Amino acid sequence: MGKREFVEEMKLEFIVPVFMVKDVESAARTAHPYEEIAFEWLAIENNATLYGAGAVGELKEPLEFKVFLDRIKTIFGTTLKYTAPPRGTVQRIAVCGGSGSFLLDAAKAVEADIFITSDYKYHQFFDADGTISILDIGHFESEQFTIDLIADRLSEKFPKFAVLKTAVNTNPIQYY
């Protein structure tokens, strides 16, 4: 009968996209100092299928298109690129932070007056087809308030949790 041996062990846990599982397992086996590695893969399912990119909201009262643009320009502090509005007012608004052109059909389907997003290419603006106004406010600009929103939500849900926000400006674009 052999002698029982006790050794110090380390447990590592990773969240890995499914397509990388084999690569991670191979790297772990290569780095492991013993002949046999103990591991277990657990699938984490995303059951939150009601959530996705983008949001739709409605103003209590319609705003004149120009007044709406002035407010967006002031709030986001940026220049605006947009297509002509189908109506002279804005009430229903679709929004997607970052590159959201893939959601234009969804914005049209909910009959939004305007779709606020970023990174539209010249020819993509034609896809508005006079049925919706596309408003490109810039990628960084469309996401600039995210850090504060997440930090506020974390502080609200976990009041004893220290929330630290970065002070690094990640916008590589300079404006003149």
N, C-alpha and C. Protein backbone atom coordinates (compact mmCIF):
# COMPACT_ATOMS: atom_id res chain seq x y z
N MET A 1 0.84 -1.17 0.00
CA MET A 1 0.00 0.00 0.00
C MET A 1 0.89 1.24 0.00
N GLY A 2 0.55 2.18 -0.86
CA GLY A 2 1.35 3.39 -1.00
C GLY A 2 1.13 4.36 0.14
N LYS A 3 2.00 5.30 0.24
CA LYS A 3 1.93 6.34 1.26
C LYS A 3 1.14 7.53 0.70
N ARG A 4 0.18 8.01 1.47
CA ARG A 4 -0.61 9.15 1.06
C ARG A 4 0.27 10.40 1.09
N GLU A 5 0.17 11.17 0.03
CA GLU A 5 1.00 12.38 -0.07
C GLU A 5 0.10 13.60 -0.11
N PHE A 6 0.50 14.65 0.57
CA PHE A 6 -0.24 15.90 0.58
C PHE A 6 0.63 16.97 -0.06
N VAL A 7 0.06 17.68 -1.02
CA VAL A 7 0.79 18.74 -1.69
C VAL A 7 -0.07 20.00 -1.72
N GLU A 8 0.59 21.12 -1.80
CA GLU A 8 -0.15 22.38 -1.92
C GLU A 8 -0.73 22.47 -3.32
N GLU A 9 -2.00 22.88 -3.40
CA GLU A 9 -2.66 22.99 -4.69
C GLU A 9 -3.17 24.41 -4.88
N MET A 10 -3.45 24.71 -6.11
CA MET A 10 -4.01 26.00 -6.45
C MET A 10 -5.23 25.76 -7.33
N LYS A 11 -6.28 26.49 -7.07
CA LYS A 11 -7.48 26.37 -7.89
C LYS A 11 -7.59 27.62 -8.75
N LEU A 12 -7.77 27.42 -10.03
CA LEU A 12 -7.94 28.53 -10.97
C LEU A 12 -9.32 28.41 -11.60
N GLU A 13 -10.00 29.54 -11.74
CA GLU A 13 -11.30 29.56 -12.41
C GLU A 13 -11.26 30.61 -13.50
N PHE A 14 -11.85 30.28 -14.64
CA PHE A 14 -11.86 31.18 -15.78
C PHE A 14 -13.26 31.21 -16.36
N ILE A 15 -13.62 32.34 -16.92
CA ILE A 15 -14.81 32.41 -17.76
C ILE A 15 -14.27 32.48 -19.17
N VAL A 16 -14.64 31.49 -19.97
CA VAL A 16 -14.05 31.32 -21.29
C VAL A 16 -15.16 31.16 -22.33
N PRO A 17 -15.08 31.89 -23.44
CA PRO A 17 -16.05 31.66 -24.52
C PRO A 17 -15.91 30.23 -25.02
N VAL A 18 -17.00 29.63 -25.40
CA VAL A 18 -17.03 28.23 -25.83
C VAL A 18 -15.98 27.93 -26.89
N PHE A 19 -15.80 28.84 -27.84
CA PHE A 19 -14.86 28.57 -28.93
C PHE A 19 -13.41 28.50 -28.47
N MET A 20 -13.10 28.92 -27.22
CA MET A 20 -11.72 28.90 -26.73
C MET A 20 -11.44 27.78 -25.73
N VAL A 21 -12.43 26.97 -25.41
CA VAL A 21 -12.28 25.92 -24.40
C VAL A 21 -11.10 25.01 -24.70
N LYS A 22 -11.00 24.52 -25.91
CA LYS A 22 -9.92 23.58 -26.26
C LYS A 22 -8.54 24.24 -26.12
N ASP A 23 -8.43 25.50 -26.53
CA ASP A 23 -7.15 26.21 -26.41
C ASP A 23 -6.75 26.40 -24.94
N VAL A 24 -7.72 26.75 -24.11
CA VAL A 24 -7.44 26.95 -22.69
C VAL A 24 -7.06 25.63 -22.03
N GLU A 25 -7.80 24.58 -22.36
CA GLU A 25 -7.47 23.26 -21.80
C GLU A 25 -6.08 22.83 -22.23
N SER A 26 -5.72 23.03 -23.48
CA SER A 26 -4.40 22.67 -23.97
C SER A 26 -3.30 23.46 -23.25
N ALA A 27 -3.52 24.74 -23.06
CA ALA A 27 -2.54 25.57 -22.36
C ALA A 27 -2.39 25.13 -20.91
N ALA A 28 -3.50 24.77 -20.26
CA ALA A 28 -3.45 24.30 -18.87
C ALA A 28 -2.67 22.99 -18.77
N ARG A 29 -2.92 22.08 -19.70
CA ARG A 29 -2.19 20.80 -19.69
C ARG A 29 -0.69 21.02 -19.92
N THR A 30 -0.35 21.93 -20.80
CA THR A 30 1.07 22.22 -21.08
C THR A 30 1.75 22.81 -19.85
N ALA A 31 1.05 23.68 -19.13
CA ALA A 31 1.65 24.37 -17.98
C ALA A 31 1.60 23.55 -16.69
N HIS A 32 0.78 22.51 -16.65
CA HIS A 32 0.61 21.73 -15.41
C HIS A 32 1.85 20.90 -15.12
N PRO A 33 2.36 20.93 -13.87
CA PRO A 33 3.61 20.23 -13.55
C PRO A 33 3.47 18.71 -13.38
N TYR A 34 2.26 18.19 -13.36
CA TYR A 34 2.07 16.76 -13.15
C TYR A 34 1.52 16.11 -14.42
N GLU A 35 1.46 14.79 -14.39
CA GLU A 35 1.00 14.06 -15.56
C GLU A 35 -0.49 14.26 -15.82
N GLU A 36 -1.27 14.32 -14.76
CA GLU A 36 -2.72 14.42 -14.91
C GLU A 36 -3.22 15.71 -14.29
N ILE A 37 -4.08 16.41 -15.00
CA ILE A 37 -4.65 17.66 -14.51
C ILE A 37 -6.11 17.42 -14.16
N ALA A 38 -6.55 17.95 -13.06
CA ALA A 38 -7.96 17.86 -12.67
C ALA A 38 -8.65 19.13 -13.14
N PHE A 39 -9.67 18.98 -13.93
CA PHE A 39 -10.41 20.15 -14.39
C PHE A 39 -11.87 19.79 -14.59
N GLU A 40 -12.69 20.83 -14.65
CA GLU A 40 -14.12 20.65 -14.88
C GLU A 40 -14.62 21.85 -15.66
N TRP A 41 -15.37 21.60 -16.71
CA TRP A 41 -15.96 22.68 -17.49
C TRP A 41 -17.44 22.80 -17.11
N LEU A 42 -17.87 24.00 -16.76
CA LEU A 42 -19.27 24.25 -16.44
C LEU A 42 -19.81 25.26 -17.44
N ALA A 43 -20.90 24.95 -18.07
CA ALA A 43 -21.50 25.88 -19.03
C ALA A 43 -22.33 26.91 -18.27
N ILE A 44 -22.13 28.16 -18.60
CA ILE A 44 -22.93 29.23 -18.02
C ILE A 44 -23.88 29.69 -19.12
N GLU A 45 -25.14 29.50 -18.89
CA GLU A 45 -26.12 29.86 -19.91
C GLU A 45 -26.64 31.26 -19.68
N ASN A 46 -26.87 31.97 -20.76
CA ASN A 46 -27.46 33.29 -20.68
C ASN A 46 -28.96 33.14 -20.91
N ASN A 47 -29.70 33.19 -19.83
CA ASN A 47 -31.16 33.05 -19.93
C ASN A 47 -31.86 34.39 -20.04
N ALA A 48 -31.11 35.47 -20.07
CA ALA A 48 -31.69 36.81 -20.13
C ALA A 48 -31.95 37.20 -21.58
N THR A 49 -32.82 36.47 -22.24
CA THR A 49 -33.06 36.69 -23.66
C THR A 49 -33.95 37.91 -23.94
N LEU A 50 -34.50 38.50 -22.90
CA LEU A 50 -35.33 39.69 -23.11
C LEU A 50 -34.48 40.96 -23.20
N TYR A 51 -33.19 40.84 -22.95
CA TYR A 51 -32.30 41.99 -22.98
C TYR A 51 -31.45 41.96 -24.22
N GLY A 52 -31.01 43.12 -24.64
CA GLY A 52 -30.16 43.19 -25.82
C GLY A 52 -29.61 44.58 -25.96
N ALA A 53 -29.08 44.85 -27.11
CA ALA A 53 -28.52 46.16 -27.38
C ALA A 53 -29.64 47.14 -27.69
N GLY A 54 -29.45 48.36 -27.26
CA GLY A 54 -30.39 49.41 -27.61
C GLY A 54 -31.53 49.56 -26.64
N ALA A 55 -32.20 50.71 -26.77
CA ALA A 55 -33.36 51.02 -25.94
C ALA A 55 -34.27 51.97 -26.72
N VAL A 56 -35.52 51.99 -26.30
CA VAL A 56 -36.50 52.88 -26.89
C VAL A 56 -37.18 53.64 -25.77
N GLY A 57 -37.37 54.93 -25.97
CA GLY A 57 -38.06 55.74 -24.97
C GLY A 57 -38.92 56.78 -25.66
N GLU A 58 -39.79 57.38 -24.87
CA GLU A 58 -40.70 58.36 -25.45
C GLU A 58 -40.74 59.60 -24.56
N LEU A 59 -40.61 60.76 -25.18
CA LEU A 59 -40.73 62.02 -24.45
C LEU A 59 -42.20 62.25 -24.09
N LYS A 60 -42.44 62.92 -22.96
CA LYS A 60 -43.83 63.19 -22.56
C LYS A 60 -44.54 64.03 -23.61
N GLU A 61 -43.83 64.98 -24.14
CA GLU A 61 -44.36 65.86 -25.18
C GLU A 61 -43.39 65.89 -26.35
N PRO A 62 -43.88 65.98 -27.57
CA PRO A 62 -42.97 66.07 -28.72
C PRO A 62 -42.14 67.36 -28.66
N LEU A 63 -40.92 67.28 -29.15
CA LEU A 63 -40.04 68.45 -29.25
C LEU A 63 -39.80 68.76 -30.72
N GLU A 64 -39.67 70.04 -31.04
CA GLU A 64 -39.28 70.40 -32.40
C GLU A 64 -37.93 69.77 -32.68
N PHE A 65 -37.75 69.31 -33.91
CA PHE A 65 -36.53 68.59 -34.28
C PHE A 65 -35.28 69.41 -33.94
N LYS A 66 -35.26 70.68 -34.30
CA LYS A 66 -34.09 71.54 -34.05
C LYS A 66 -33.83 71.69 -32.56
N VAL A 67 -34.86 71.83 -31.75
CA VAL A 67 -34.71 71.95 -30.30
C VAL A 67 -34.12 70.65 -29.74
N PHE A 68 -34.60 69.51 -30.24
CA PHE A 68 -34.07 68.22 -29.81
C PHE A 68 -32.58 68.11 -30.14
N LEU A 69 -32.21 68.48 -31.37
CA LEU A 69 -30.80 68.43 -31.77
C LEU A 69 -29.94 69.33 -30.88
N ASP A 70 -30.43 70.52 -30.58
CA ASP A 70 -29.68 71.45 -29.71
C ASP A 70 -29.44 70.82 -28.34
N ARG A 71 -30.43 70.14 -27.80
CA ARG A 71 -30.28 69.50 -26.48
C ARG A 71 -29.26 68.36 -26.53
N ILE A 72 -29.35 67.55 -27.56
CA ILE A 72 -28.41 66.43 -27.71
C ILE A 72 -26.99 66.96 -27.87
N LYS A 73 -26.82 68.00 -28.68
CA LYS A 73 -25.50 68.59 -28.90
C LYS A 73 -24.93 69.11 -27.58
N THR A 74 -25.74 69.74 -26.77
CA THR A 74 -25.30 70.27 -25.48
C THR A 74 -24.98 69.15 -24.49
N ILE A 75 -25.85 68.17 -24.37
CA ILE A 75 -25.67 67.08 -23.40
C ILE A 75 -24.44 66.24 -23.74
N PHE A 76 -24.28 65.89 -25.01
CA PHE A 76 -23.20 65.00 -25.40
C PHE A 76 -21.93 65.75 -25.80
N GLY A 77 -22.01 67.06 -25.97
CA GLY A 77 -20.84 67.86 -26.26
C GLY A 77 -20.13 67.47 -27.54
N THR A 78 -20.87 67.36 -28.60
CA THR A 78 -20.27 66.88 -29.85
C THR A 78 -20.94 67.51 -31.06
N THR A 79 -20.34 67.29 -32.21
CA THR A 79 -20.97 67.67 -33.46
C THR A 79 -21.93 66.55 -33.85
N LEU A 80 -22.92 66.87 -34.63
CA LEU A 80 -23.95 65.89 -34.98
C LEU A 80 -23.99 65.67 -36.49
N LYS A 81 -24.15 64.43 -36.88
CA LYS A 81 -24.43 64.08 -38.28
C LYS A 81 -25.80 63.42 -38.28
N TYR A 82 -26.67 63.85 -39.17
CA TYR A 82 -28.02 63.30 -39.14
C TYR A 82 -28.69 63.36 -40.50
N THR A 83 -29.76 62.59 -40.63
CA THR A 83 -30.58 62.64 -41.84
C THR A 83 -31.81 63.48 -41.53
N ALA A 84 -32.41 63.99 -42.58
CA ALA A 84 -33.59 64.84 -42.42
C ALA A 84 -34.69 64.08 -41.69
N PRO A 85 -35.41 64.78 -40.81
CA PRO A 85 -36.48 64.12 -40.06
C PRO A 85 -37.71 63.87 -40.94
N PRO A 86 -38.41 62.75 -40.69
CA PRO A 86 -39.64 62.50 -41.46
C PRO A 86 -40.77 63.44 -41.03
N ARG A 87 -40.68 63.94 -39.79
CA ARG A 87 -41.66 64.90 -39.26
C ARG A 87 -40.88 66.06 -38.64
N GLY A 88 -41.53 67.10 -38.28
CA GLY A 88 -40.86 68.26 -37.70
C GLY A 88 -40.62 68.13 -36.21
N THR A 89 -41.09 67.01 -35.62
CA THR A 89 -40.94 66.83 -34.17
C THR A 89 -40.34 65.46 -33.85
N VAL A 90 -39.87 65.36 -32.61
CA VAL A 90 -39.31 64.10 -32.10
C VAL A 90 -40.04 63.76 -30.81
N GLN A 91 -40.51 62.51 -30.72
CA GLN A 91 -41.10 62.04 -29.47
C GLN A 91 -40.59 60.64 -29.11
N ARG A 92 -40.66 59.72 -30.05
CA ARG A 92 -40.17 58.36 -29.79
C ARG A 92 -38.72 58.26 -30.26
N ILE A 93 -37.84 57.82 -29.33
CA ILE A 93 -36.41 57.83 -29.58
C ILE A 93 -35.84 56.42 -29.39
N ALA A 94 -35.08 55.96 -30.36
CA ALA A 94 -34.35 54.69 -30.25
C ALA A 94 -32.87 55.05 -30.08
N VAL A 95 -32.17 54.32 -29.20
CA VAL A 95 -30.78 54.62 -28.88
C VAL A 95 -29.97 53.34 -28.83
N CYS A 96 -28.74 53.39 -29.35
CA CYS A 96 -27.79 52.31 -29.17
C CYS A 96 -26.40 52.94 -29.04
N GLY A 97 -25.77 52.75 -27.89
CA GLY A 97 -24.42 53.25 -27.69
C GLY A 97 -23.45 52.50 -28.59
N GLY A 98 -22.41 53.18 -29.04
CA GLY A 98 -21.44 52.54 -29.91
C GLY A 98 -21.97 52.40 -31.32
N SER A 99 -21.46 51.42 -32.04
CA SER A 99 -21.84 51.19 -33.43
C SER A 99 -23.17 50.46 -33.50
N GLY A 100 -24.23 51.17 -33.79
CA GLY A 100 -25.56 50.56 -33.72
C GLY A 100 -26.29 50.43 -35.02
N SER A 101 -25.64 50.58 -36.15
CA SER A 101 -26.36 50.55 -37.43
C SER A 101 -27.14 49.25 -37.63
N PHE A 102 -26.70 48.17 -37.00
CA PHE A 102 -27.40 46.88 -37.15
C PHE A 102 -28.81 46.92 -36.55
N LEU A 103 -29.12 47.94 -35.76
CA LEU A 103 -30.44 48.04 -35.12
C LEU A 103 -31.39 49.01 -35.83
N LEU A 104 -31.00 49.52 -36.97
CA LEU A 104 -31.86 50.48 -37.66
C LEU A 104 -33.24 49.89 -37.96
N ASP A 105 -33.30 48.67 -38.46
CA ASP A 105 -34.60 48.06 -38.77
C ASP A 105 -35.46 47.92 -37.51
N ALA A 106 -34.83 47.61 -36.38
CA ALA A 106 -35.58 47.51 -35.12
C ALA A 106 -36.11 48.88 -34.71
N ALA A 107 -35.31 49.92 -34.91
CA ALA A 107 -35.75 51.28 -34.59
C ALA A 107 -36.93 51.68 -35.47
N LYS A 108 -36.87 51.29 -36.73
CA LYS A 108 -37.99 51.56 -37.64
C LYS A 108 -39.22 50.77 -37.21
N ALA A 109 -39.02 49.53 -36.79
CA ALA A 109 -40.14 48.66 -36.42
C ALA A 109 -40.92 49.21 -35.22
N VAL A 110 -40.24 49.90 -34.31
CA VAL A 110 -40.94 50.48 -33.15
C VAL A 110 -41.41 51.90 -33.45
N GLU A 111 -41.28 52.28 -34.72
CA GLU A 111 -41.73 53.58 -35.21
C GLU A 111 -41.10 54.75 -34.47
N ALA A 112 -39.79 54.62 -34.22
CA ALA A 112 -39.05 55.72 -33.60
C ALA A 112 -38.95 56.87 -34.59
N ASP A 113 -38.98 58.07 -34.07
CA ASP A 113 -38.81 59.26 -34.90
C ASP A 113 -37.34 59.46 -35.24
N ILE A 114 -36.48 59.05 -34.31
CA ILE A 114 -35.05 59.26 -34.47
C ILE A 114 -34.29 58.09 -33.85
N PHE A 115 -33.15 57.76 -34.45
CA PHE A 115 -32.30 56.68 -33.96
C PHE A 115 -30.93 57.29 -33.66
N ILE A 116 -30.56 57.31 -32.38
CA ILE A 116 -29.29 57.90 -31.94
C ILE A 116 -28.28 56.77 -31.75
N THR A 117 -27.16 56.87 -32.44
CA THR A 117 -26.10 55.87 -32.36
C THR A 117 -24.82 56.48 -32.89
N SER A 118 -23.91 55.64 -33.40
CA SER A 118 -22.67 56.18 -33.94
C SER A 118 -22.09 55.28 -35.02
N ASP A 119 -21.01 55.77 -35.62
CA ASP A 119 -20.21 55.04 -36.60
C ASP A 119 -20.95 54.71 -37.90
N TYR A 120 -21.88 55.57 -38.27
CA TYR A 120 -22.57 55.37 -39.55
C TYR A 120 -21.65 55.77 -40.69
N LYS A 121 -21.65 54.95 -41.74
CA LYS A 121 -20.91 55.28 -42.95
C LYS A 121 -21.83 56.07 -43.88
N TYR A 122 -21.23 56.81 -44.78
CA TYR A 122 -21.97 57.69 -45.66
C TYR A 122 -23.19 57.02 -46.30
N HIS A 123 -22.98 55.90 -46.97
CA HIS A 123 -24.08 55.26 -47.69
C HIS A 123 -25.13 54.65 -46.77
N GLN A 124 -24.75 54.33 -45.53
CA GLN A 124 -25.73 53.78 -44.59
C GLN A 124 -26.80 54.81 -44.21
N PHE A 125 -26.46 56.09 -44.29
CA PHE A 125 -27.46 57.12 -43.96
C PHE A 125 -28.66 57.05 -44.91
N PHE A 126 -28.45 56.55 -46.12
CA PHE A 126 -29.56 56.41 -47.07
C PHE A 126 -30.60 55.41 -46.59
N ASP A 127 -30.22 54.52 -45.69
CA ASP A 127 -31.15 53.50 -45.19
C ASP A 127 -32.27 54.08 -44.33
N ALA A 128 -32.17 55.35 -43.99
CA ALA A 128 -33.25 56.00 -43.23
C ALA A 128 -34.51 56.05 -44.09
N ASP A 129 -34.36 56.14 -45.39
CA ASP A 129 -35.48 56.10 -46.35
C ASP A 129 -36.58 57.10 -46.06
N GLY A 130 -36.27 58.19 -45.38
CA GLY A 130 -37.30 59.19 -45.09
C GLY A 130 -38.31 58.75 -44.04
N THR A 131 -38.08 57.58 -43.40
CA THR A 131 -39.03 57.08 -42.39
C THR A 131 -38.57 57.33 -40.96
N ILE A 132 -37.29 57.64 -40.81
CA ILE A 132 -36.69 57.85 -39.49
C ILE A 132 -35.49 58.77 -39.68
N SER A 133 -35.14 59.52 -38.67
CA SER A 133 -33.92 60.31 -38.74
C SER A 133 -32.82 59.53 -38.03
N ILE A 134 -31.67 59.40 -38.69
CA ILE A 134 -30.50 58.77 -38.07
C ILE A 134 -29.64 59.90 -37.53
N LEU A 135 -29.25 59.79 -36.27
CA LEU A 135 -28.41 60.80 -35.63
C LEU A 135 -27.14 60.13 -35.12
N ASP A 136 -26.03 60.42 -35.77
CA ASP A 136 -24.73 59.86 -35.40
C ASP A 136 -24.02 60.88 -34.51
N ILE A 137 -23.85 60.53 -33.24
CA ILE A 137 -23.26 61.48 -32.29
C ILE A 137 -21.80 61.17 -31.96
N GLY A 138 -21.25 60.11 -32.53
CA GLY A 138 -19.87 59.73 -32.25
C GLY A 138 -19.81 58.56 -31.29
N HIS A 139 -18.85 57.68 -31.49
CA HIS A 139 -18.75 56.45 -30.70
C HIS A 139 -18.47 56.76 -29.22
N PHE A 140 -17.39 57.46 -28.95
CA PHE A 140 -17.06 57.79 -27.56
C PHE A 140 -18.20 58.57 -26.91
N GLU A 141 -18.73 59.54 -27.64
CA GLU A 141 -19.79 60.39 -27.10
C GLU A 141 -21.03 59.59 -26.71
N SER A 142 -21.34 58.57 -27.49
CA SER A 142 -22.53 57.77 -27.20
C SER A 142 -22.35 56.86 -25.98
N GLU A 143 -21.09 56.65 -25.57
CA GLU A 143 -20.81 55.77 -24.43
C GLU A 143 -20.21 56.50 -23.22
N GLN A 144 -20.00 57.79 -23.31
CA GLN A 144 -19.26 58.52 -22.29
C GLN A 144 -19.88 58.50 -20.90
N PHE A 145 -21.16 58.32 -20.79
CA PHE A 145 -21.81 58.35 -19.47
C PHE A 145 -21.95 56.96 -18.85
N THR A 146 -21.51 55.93 -19.57
CA THR A 146 -21.67 54.55 -19.11
C THR A 146 -20.96 54.28 -17.79
N ILE A 147 -19.75 54.78 -17.64
CA ILE A 147 -18.98 54.53 -16.41
C ILE A 147 -19.75 55.05 -15.20
N ASP A 148 -20.26 56.26 -15.29
CA ASP A 148 -21.01 56.84 -14.17
C ASP A 148 -22.30 56.06 -13.90
N LEU A 149 -22.99 55.65 -14.96
CA LEU A 149 -24.23 54.90 -14.77
C LEU A 149 -23.98 53.57 -14.07
N ILE A 150 -22.93 52.86 -14.49
CA ILE A 150 -22.61 51.57 -13.88
C ILE A 150 -22.13 51.77 -12.44
N ALA A 151 -21.28 52.77 -12.23
CA ALA A 151 -20.77 53.05 -10.87
C ALA A 151 -21.92 53.40 -9.93
N ASP A 152 -22.85 54.22 -10.39
CA ASP A 152 -24.00 54.59 -9.56
C ASP A 152 -24.86 53.38 -9.22
N ARG A 153 -25.07 52.53 -10.21
CA ARG A 153 -25.89 51.32 -9.99
C ARG A 153 -25.21 50.37 -9.01
N LEU A 154 -23.89 50.18 -9.15
CA LEU A 154 -23.14 49.33 -8.22
C LEU A 154 -23.19 49.89 -6.80
N SER A 155 -23.01 51.20 -6.67
CA SER A 155 -23.06 51.83 -5.35
C SER A 155 -24.43 51.69 -4.70
N GLU A 156 -25.45 51.78 -5.52
CA GLU A 156 -26.82 51.63 -5.04
C GLU A 156 -27.09 50.20 -4.56
N LYS A 157 -26.67 49.22 -5.34
CA LYS A 157 -26.93 47.82 -5.03
C LYS A 157 -25.99 47.26 -3.97
N PHE A 158 -24.77 47.78 -3.91
CA PHE A 158 -23.75 47.29 -2.97
C PHE A 158 -23.15 48.47 -2.21
N PRO A 159 -23.88 49.03 -1.24
CA PRO A 159 -23.43 50.26 -0.58
C PRO A 159 -22.09 50.13 0.16
N LYS A 160 -21.68 48.93 0.51
CA LYS A 160 -20.41 48.76 1.23
C LYS A 160 -19.26 48.39 0.28
N PHE A 161 -19.54 48.38 -0.99
CA PHE A 161 -18.57 48.02 -2.02
C PHE A 161 -17.87 49.30 -2.49
N ALA A 162 -16.54 49.30 -2.51
CA ALA A 162 -15.79 50.47 -2.96
C ALA A 162 -15.78 50.50 -4.49
N VAL A 163 -16.40 51.49 -5.06
CA VAL A 163 -16.46 51.64 -6.50
C VAL A 163 -15.43 52.68 -6.93
N LEU A 164 -14.51 52.26 -7.77
CA LEU A 164 -13.49 53.16 -8.30
C LEU A 164 -13.71 53.32 -9.80
N LYS A 165 -13.75 54.56 -10.24
CA LYS A 165 -13.94 54.84 -11.66
C LYS A 165 -12.63 55.31 -12.27
N THR A 166 -12.39 54.89 -13.48
CA THR A 166 -11.19 55.33 -14.17
C THR A 166 -11.28 56.82 -14.50
N ALA A 167 -10.15 57.47 -14.53
CA ALA A 167 -10.08 58.86 -14.94
C ALA A 167 -9.43 58.96 -16.32
N VAL A 168 -9.15 57.81 -16.94
CA VAL A 168 -8.49 57.78 -18.23
C VAL A 168 -9.50 58.08 -19.34
N ASN A 169 -9.16 59.03 -20.18
CA ASN A 169 -9.99 59.36 -21.33
C ASN A 169 -9.59 58.41 -22.45
N THR A 170 -10.51 57.57 -22.88
CA THR A 170 -10.21 56.57 -23.91
C THR A 170 -10.58 57.03 -25.32
N ASN A 171 -10.91 58.29 -25.48
CA ASN A 171 -11.27 58.77 -26.81
C ASN A 171 -10.01 59.12 -27.60
N PRO A 172 -9.71 58.36 -28.66
CA PRO A 172 -8.50 58.65 -29.44
C PRO A 172 -8.67 59.81 -30.43
N ILE A 173 -9.90 60.31 -30.55
CA ILE A 173 -10.17 61.34 -31.54
C ILE A 173 -10.01 62.73 -30.94
N GLN A 174 -9.33 63.58 -31.69
CA GLN A 174 -9.18 64.99 -31.30
C GLN A 174 -10.10 65.83 -32.20
N TYR A 175 -10.68 66.87 -31.66
CA TYR A 175 -11.59 67.72 -32.42
C TYR A 175 -11.00 69.12 -32.55
N TYR A 176 -11.26 69.75 -33.67
CA TYR A 176 -10.72 71.08 -33.90
C TYR A 176 -11.86 72.00 -34.25
